[in-house]
Amino acid sequence: VASLLRKDWDGWVKATFPWALFSVAILGTGILMGGAWAYESLSFGGFWAWDPVENMSFVPWLMVVAGLHMLLVYRYTKHSLVSTYLFFILGFGFVLYSTFLTRSGILGDTSVHAFTDLGMTGQLLIYMAFFIVVGITLLIIRVAKKQLPVVQKEEELWSREFWMFIGSLILLLSAVQMTFTTSIPVWNKIFGINIAPPEKVIAHYNSIQIWIGIIAALLTGFAQYLTYRSGKLPSTFKWASYSLLGSIVLSLGIAYGMDISYTQQYNIDLSKISDSLFIKFPFISPYFIFLVASMYAILGNLGYLLLVLKGNLRLSGGSVAHFGFGVFLVGVLISQGKQQVISQNIQGIDFGKEFNNDDKRDNILLLRDSTLTMGDYQVTYTATKEEKPNTLYLVNYIRKNKSGETVENFVLEPNAQVNPKMGLLANPDTKHYLTKDVFTHVTSLPDNRNLKDTSLVAELAVNDTFATRTALIVFDSINPAPNLPADFSKEGKLVVGIHLQVKSEDKKTYTTQPIFVIDLANGNEVSSLPGAVDEMGITAEVLKIDPKSKKVTLNIREQEKPADFIILKAIVFPYINLVWLGGILTFLGTFISMYRRSREAKTVVA
């Protein structure tokens, strides 16, 4: 905006470079940290779910990345100045629009974050409108008055600036698609319509964004081999071709080695389209093309760094960032495409209407101390651990070899709490390996808030048995000299102990002895000292003893036993560390470029 106000078309460029790179690095690092936090702390099972908050953090980053590349084009060719201004203005504008969407409450019904109006809607609208209107108006005025420098010669088809411009347009299309769908509640409110957001959100975005990812990855692989202001292919372009060939071969090897079924991943009903070209040639699947493009981003940039730049680290920022981008894409494709839900409900248990068909298939019921097989593991829910307000559920994983020997044993501690307003709030726990993660989270718990006690009266003779809901109670014998509490005065009283055996459903036997008391000094007043089996929540009290029939009348109170089980979901994510490694390399490369450009800017000032 300062450049447009001062009509300074060149002086701002070098000074802007390091700050544009800084913005790319910081926004991108924030997104990566958000994905890592979601993966480690949230229960939807992944690092990205195309939620409105995720989308609207991604869009400004795309715009600044596009603006950065256009700034580079303008510096070397004087092309694309208007595009440079437009992308940077939109970058900041989308930061403000994203803030409005996530803080005005308008997405309260479509975002899992369920934002409510924080009372800032008016301020946000004014703030957003001011900066966007000022920036766009200034740009329109300068363009209308033909004050911006224009290069008459069009970009050559095989020039670097042409394909960088195409890449920036692709990023713009990505941002437009995400913003349009995410903003459906806004369109409904502005135009008084009622468009429903897509039912299958992930499939909706993936079906479009996968092609954008393919094009972006291919462009990062070959555009750098081209030269500015020239339509001739340089001699080094042969390495771009070799890299593409190597990417295809490696992708075929990865697909074969990991047994990747692209038709299955693309959710295609083979019975309906068995004669289609796609089924005859499954490697034209978008997933395979995506894998080839991602590998090309890796090999193309690695080749450029080693063979063209000769390993010059000072100039390596762009190659390192694009190399990391390719690693990131491969990690996304494999970790998500080959993820394996190991908590398969092979018993066919119906968990209730709160679970859809997919959830019923992919969740498993674990009773306390019961063991079930999940994938390569024997899994047991062993105990709980209180860490207020959460409860940790200890799940023991054991993996054995073919000889039955234990080769691995670890405990995961997913936690959960039942919130009166928000329902179940669960956080996963994950076992990290170099080549995979085992991700576990609790999806449902028993509701033990309204447990009820039962009270039963039984008349028993010696050796009689009485059944409750969870136990068998046997009248074993009468004890005329029972043990009494230390503070109990026996003087003037007749005491009799009733010895009971209490047998649980799991064959355990407990004993208890309620005591019948007759206070001779107080007119034979009758009372009782209850006997309890705390492990089973059973209390017995003697109401009377009939000396003639030698029968005892007992009042047996039984607490409703709380259900002790968890329903959990467990997923194995292969090679997910490539996601984090790729993100780190991308932003490392950005910081390398930022350092180089900041040194250049200081030199210019000096």
Foldseek 3Di string as FASTA:
>chain_A
DVCLVVVPLPPCLLVCQLVLLVVLLVLLVVLLVQLVCCCFFPDPHGSDDLFLLSLLSVLLSLLSVLLNLLSVLCVVPVPNSLVNLVSNLVSVLSVLVSCLLQAQQLCLPRGPVNHHHPPCNVVSVVVSCVSSVVSVVSSVVCVVVVSRDDDPDDFAPQALSVLSNVLSVLSVVLSVVSVVLSCVSVCCVVVVHDDDRDPRSVLVSCVPVLVSLLSNLLSLQQSVQHHHPDNDRDPVSVQLVVQLVVLLVVLVVVCVVLVFQLCVLNVDDCVVPVPDPCNVPVCVRSLNSSSSSLSSLQSSLVCCCCPVVVVPLLPNLSSLLSNLVSLQSNLVSQLVRVKDWQQAAPVQDDPDPVADPVRSGRKHKAAAQDWDDGVQWIKHFHDWDDDPPKIWTWIKTFGADPVRHTPDIDIWTKIWHQDPVPGIGTTWTWDDDQWKIKIKIFDDDFDPPDWDKDKDKDKDAAQDWDDDPFKIKHQHDKAQDDDDDPPDDCPQKGKIWTWIWIAGPVGDIDIWIKMWIFRNVPVRDIDIRWIDDVVFQKIKTWPDADVVVRITMIMIMGIGDGGGMTMMIIMMRTRSVSNVSSSVSSSVSSVSSSVSSVVVSVVVVD
